[in-house]
């Protein structure tokens, strides 16, 4: 058993794809036409970190309620966690790409961490191994 997909509500498909693929380095797994439950056109867009089993369904907001949830899917908490093997390289790449970091990198018992916002405004932890200086 595993979690196959989680959904992140976004304002616009293409900008979200560019963020997750070009900035975070995820793979674009699917981008196909689909329809809403009431028959209106939409897209089925799935991105996933390389080698991961769990993907993210990027769902373009449809209506007021969903639009209000963009960037606040977990009520302001850090709700997503991206673990990388090389924290410093990922942090440098993301910073150069204009990702908004809300905290400076710091070392915790579980590794190196910095909080950033995704294209929709949701908070994520960028996680990596502890700094070589720590120990």
C-alpha atoms as a PDB file:
ATOM      1  CA  UNK A   1       0.000   0.000   0.000  1.00  0.00           C
ATOM      2  CA  UNK A   2       1.179   3.544  -0.711  1.00  0.00           C
ATOM      3  CA  UNK A   3      -0.177   7.024  -1.233  1.00  0.00           C
ATOM      4  CA  UNK A   4      -0.321   7.477  -5.000  1.00  0.00           C
ATOM      5  CA  UNK A   5      -1.276  11.161  -5.313  1.00  0.00           C
ATOM      6  CA  UNK A   6      -1.881  14.250  -3.268  1.00  0.00           C
ATOM      7  CA  UNK A   7      -3.516  17.368  -4.686  1.00  0.00           C
ATOM      8  CA  UNK A   8      -2.222  20.909  -4.649  1.00  0.00           C
ATOM      9  CA  UNK A   9      -4.694  23.516  -5.836  1.00  0.00           C
ATOM     10  CA  UNK A  10      -2.966  26.060  -8.070  1.00  0.00           C
ATOM     11  CA  UNK A  11      -4.028  29.254  -9.812  1.00  0.00           C
ATOM     12  CA  UNK A  12      -2.818  28.169 -13.257  1.00  0.00           C
ATOM     13  CA  UNK A  13      -1.529  24.894 -14.705  1.00  0.00           C
ATOM     14  CA  UNK A  14       1.417  26.059 -16.816  1.00  0.00           C
ATOM     15  CA  UNK A  15       3.031  28.267 -14.175  1.00  0.00           C
ATOM     16  CA  UNK A  16       2.710  25.442 -11.643  1.00  0.00           C
ATOM     17  CA  UNK A  17       4.252  22.937 -14.072  1.00  0.00           C
ATOM     18  CA  UNK A  18       7.185  25.296 -14.709  1.00  0.00           C
ATOM     19  CA  UNK A  19       7.737  25.691 -10.954  1.00  0.00           C
ATOM     20  CA  UNK A  20       7.646  22.013 -10.080  1.00  0.00           C
ATOM     21  CA  UNK A  21       9.555  20.807 -13.158  1.00  0.00           C
ATOM     22  CA  UNK A  22      12.025  23.621 -13.912  1.00  0.00           C
ATOM     23  CA  UNK A  23      12.654  24.903 -10.393  1.00  0.00           C
ATOM     24  CA  UNK A  24      12.222  21.847  -8.173  1.00  0.00           C
ATOM     25  CA  UNK A  25      13.360  19.280 -10.747  1.00  0.00           C
ATOM     26  CA  UNK A  26      10.229  17.100 -10.647  1.00  0.00           C
ATOM     27  CA  UNK A  27       9.198  14.961 -13.606  1.00  0.00           C
ATOM     28  CA  UNK A  28       6.047  15.823 -15.537  1.00  0.00           C
ATOM     29  CA  UNK A  29       4.294  12.442 -15.426  1.00  0.00           C
ATOM     30  CA  UNK A  30       0.943  13.340 -17.009  1.00  0.00           C
ATOM     31  CA  UNK A  31      -0.630  16.366 -18.671  1.00  0.00           C
ATOM     32  CA  UNK A  32      -3.766  15.256 -20.463  1.00  0.00           C
ATOM     33  CA  UNK A  33      -7.186  16.723 -21.193  1.00  0.00           C
ATOM     34  CA  UNK A  34      -9.909  15.723 -18.753  1.00  0.00           C
ATOM     35  CA  UNK A  35     -13.330  16.923 -17.651  1.00  0.00           C
ATOM     36  CA  UNK A  36     -14.867  18.054 -14.398  1.00  0.00           C
ATOM     37  CA  UNK A  37     -17.630  16.002 -12.787  1.00  0.00           C
ATOM     38  CA  UNK A  38     -20.153  18.220 -14.576  1.00  0.00           C
ATOM     39  CA  UNK A  39     -18.464  17.865 -17.982  1.00  0.00           C
ATOM     40  CA  UNK A  40     -16.386  21.053 -18.280  1.00  0.00           C
ATOM     41  CA  UNK A  41     -12.856  20.768 -19.703  1.00  0.00           C
ATOM     42  CA  UNK A  42      -9.842  20.663 -17.412  1.00  0.00           C
ATOM     43  CA  UNK A  43      -6.414  19.014 -17.393  1.00  0.00           C
ATOM     44  CA  UNK A  44      -5.066  16.080 -15.423  1.00  0.00           C
ATOM     45  CA  UNK A  45      -1.545  17.191 -14.473  1.00  0.00           C
ATOM     46  CA  UNK A  46       0.730  15.035 -12.328  1.00  0.00           C
ATOM     47  CA  UNK A  47       4.304  15.845 -11.288  1.00  0.00           C
ATOM     48  CA  UNK A  48       6.583  13.681  -9.193  1.00  0.00           C
ATOM     49  CA  UNK A  49      10.132  13.849  -7.842  1.00  0.00           C
ATOM     50  CA  UNK A  50      12.454  11.576  -9.837  1.00  0.00           C
ATOM     51  CA  UNK A  51      12.269   8.036  -8.488  1.00  0.00           C
ATOM     52  CA  UNK A  52       9.337   8.732  -6.156  1.00  0.00           C
ATOM     53  CA  UNK A  53       6.115   6.715  -6.089  1.00  0.00           C
ATOM     54  CA  UNK A  54       3.880   9.490  -4.767  1.00  0.00           C
ATOM     55  CA  UNK A  55       2.931  12.223  -7.207  1.00  0.00           C
ATOM     56  CA  UNK A  56       1.279  15.607  -6.927  1.00  0.00           C
ATOM     57  CA  UNK A  57      -1.894  16.303  -8.860  1.00  0.00           C
ATOM     58  CA  UNK A  58      -1.810  19.973  -9.830  1.00  0.00           C
ATOM     59  CA  UNK A  59      -5.459  21.018  -9.814  1.00  0.00           C
ATOM     60  CA  UNK A  60      -6.339  24.429 -11.219  1.00  0.00           C
ATOM     61  CA  UNK A  61      -8.761  26.199  -8.886  1.00  0.00           C
ATOM     62  CA  UNK A  62     -12.354  26.010 -10.051  1.00  0.00           C
ATOM     63  CA  UNK A  63     -14.680  28.472  -8.345  1.00  0.00           C
ATOM     64  CA  UNK A  64     -14.504  30.744  -5.321  1.00  0.00           C
ATOM     65  CA  UNK A  65     -13.990  28.103  -2.659  1.00  0.00           C
ATOM     66  CA  UNK A  66     -11.064  26.465  -4.447  1.00  0.00           C
ATOM     67  CA  UNK A  67      -9.540  29.827  -5.366  1.00  0.00           C
ATOM     68  CA  UNK A  68      -9.597  30.767  -1.682  1.00  0.00           C
ATOM     69  CA  UNK A  69      -7.641  27.597  -0.853  1.00  0.00           C
ATOM     70  CA  UNK A  70      -4.758  28.343  -3.229  1.00  0.00           C
ATOM     71  CA  UNK A  71      -1.680  28.721  -1.050  1.00  0.00           C
ATOM     72  CA  UNK A  72      -3.519  27.893   2.164  1.00  0.00           C
ATOM     73  CA  UNK A  73      -4.259  24.199   1.832  1.00  0.00           C
ATOM     74  CA  UNK A  74      -2.951  23.391   5.293  1.00  0.00           C
ATOM     75  CA  UNK A  75      -4.081  26.555   7.087  1.00  0.00           C
ATOM     76  CA  UNK A  76      -0.682  28.277   7.049  1.00  0.00           C
ATOM     77  CA  UNK A  77       1.318  25.338   8.365  1.00  0.00           C
ATOM     78  CA  UNK A  78       4.205  23.651   6.623  1.00  0.00           C
ATOM     79  CA  UNK A  79       2.332  20.885   4.883  1.00  0.00           C
ATOM     80  CA  UNK A  80       4.802  19.480   2.357  1.00  0.00           C
ATOM     81  CA  UNK A  81       8.313  18.131   2.815  1.00  0.00           C
ATOM     82  CA  UNK A  82      10.919  17.816   0.056  1.00  0.00           C
ATOM     83  CA  UNK A  83      13.960  15.746   1.009  1.00  0.00           C
ATOM     84  CA  UNK A  84      17.095  16.160  -1.109  1.00  0.00           C
ATOM     85  CA  UNK A  85      20.502  14.473  -0.998  1.00  0.00           C
ATOM     86  CA  UNK A  86      22.476  17.714  -1.481  1.00  0.00           C
ATOM     87  CA  UNK A  87      20.808  20.448   0.551  1.00  0.00           C
ATOM     88  CA  UNK A  88      23.287  23.221  -0.320  1.00  0.00           C
ATOM     89  CA  UNK A  89      22.995  22.654  -4.082  1.00  0.00           C
ATOM     90  CA  UNK A  90      19.201  22.465  -3.971  1.00  0.00           C
ATOM     91  CA  UNK A  91      19.004  25.596  -1.805  1.00  0.00           C
ATOM     92  CA  UNK A  92      21.367  27.518  -4.108  1.00  0.00           C
ATOM     93  CA  UNK A  93      19.470  26.425  -7.244  1.00  0.00           C
ATOM     94  CA  UNK A  94      16.100  27.308  -5.752  1.00  0.00           C
ATOM     95  CA  UNK A  95      17.317  30.665  -4.455  1.00  0.00           C
ATOM     96  CA  UNK A  96      18.789  31.543  -7.860  1.00  0.00           C
ATOM     97  CA  UNK A  97      15.451  30.581  -9.453  1.00  0.00           C
ATOM     98  CA  UNK A  98      13.650  33.079  -7.222  1.00  0.00           C
ATOM     99  CA  UNK A  99      12.028  30.687  -4.736  1.00  0.00           C
ATOM    100  CA  UNK A 100      10.861  32.543  -1.633  1.00  0.00           C
ATOM    101  CA  UNK A 101      12.521  31.108   1.465  1.00  0.00           C
ATOM    102  CA  UNK A 102      10.869  32.092   4.732  1.00  0.00           C
ATOM    103  CA  UNK A 103      13.712  30.881   6.954  1.00  0.00           C
ATOM    104  CA  UNK A 104      17.451  30.601   6.694  1.00  0.00           C
ATOM    105  CA  UNK A 105      18.879  27.070   6.569  1.00  0.00           C
ATOM    106  CA  UNK A 106      19.388  25.572   9.996  1.00  0.00           C
ATOM    107  CA  UNK A 107      20.438  22.228  11.425  1.00  0.00           C
ATOM    108  CA  UNK A 108      17.973  20.197  13.447  1.00  0.00           C
ATOM    109  CA  UNK A 109      18.186  16.683  14.883  1.00  0.00           C
ATOM    110  CA  UNK A 110      16.557  15.337  11.686  1.00  0.00           C
ATOM    111  CA  UNK A 111      18.862  17.229   9.297  1.00  0.00           C
ATOM    112  CA  UNK A 112      19.237  20.570   7.549  1.00  0.00           C
ATOM    113  CA  UNK A 113      16.015  22.496   6.897  1.00  0.00           C
ATOM    114  CA  UNK A 114      14.686  25.736   5.411  1.00  0.00           C
ATOM    115  CA  UNK A 115      11.049  26.692   4.808  1.00  0.00           C
ATOM    116  CA  UNK A 116       9.994  27.870   1.342  1.00  0.00           C
ATOM    117  CA  UNK A 117       6.786  28.703  -0.508  1.00  0.00           C
ATOM    118  CA  UNK A 118       5.682  26.935  -3.666  1.00  0.00           C
ATOM    119  CA  UNK A 119       4.145  28.679  -6.693  1.00  0.00           C
ATOM    120  CA  UNK A 120       0.731  28.647  -4.978  1.00  0.00           C
ATOM    121  CA  UNK A 121       2.047  30.005  -1.665  1.00  0.00           C
ATOM    122  CA  UNK A 122       1.999  26.756   0.343  1.00  0.00           C
ATOM    123  CA  UNK A 123       4.808  26.233   2.852  1.00  0.00           C
ATOM    124  CA  UNK A 124       7.284  23.411   2.353  1.00  0.00           C
ATOM    125  CA  UNK A 125      10.331  22.207   4.286  1.00  0.00           C
ATOM    126  CA  UNK A 126      13.417  21.682   2.151  1.00  0.00           C
ATOM    127  CA  UNK A 127      15.174  18.877   4.023  1.00  0.00           C
ATOM    128  CA  UNK A 128      18.641  17.419   3.669  1.00  0.00           C
ATOM    129  CA  UNK A 129      21.393  15.717   5.596  1.00  0.00           C
ATOM    130  CA  UNK A 130      22.932  17.574   8.509  1.00  0.00           C
ATOM    131  CA  UNK A 131      25.645  20.079   7.680  1.00  0.00           C
ATOM    132  CA  UNK A 132      29.146  18.538   7.586  1.00  0.00           C
ATOM    133  CA  UNK A 133      30.195  21.059  10.279  1.00  0.00           C
ATOM    134  CA  UNK A 134      27.589  19.673  12.698  1.00  0.00           C
ATOM    135  CA  UNK A 135      28.302  16.719  14.789  1.00  0.00           C
END
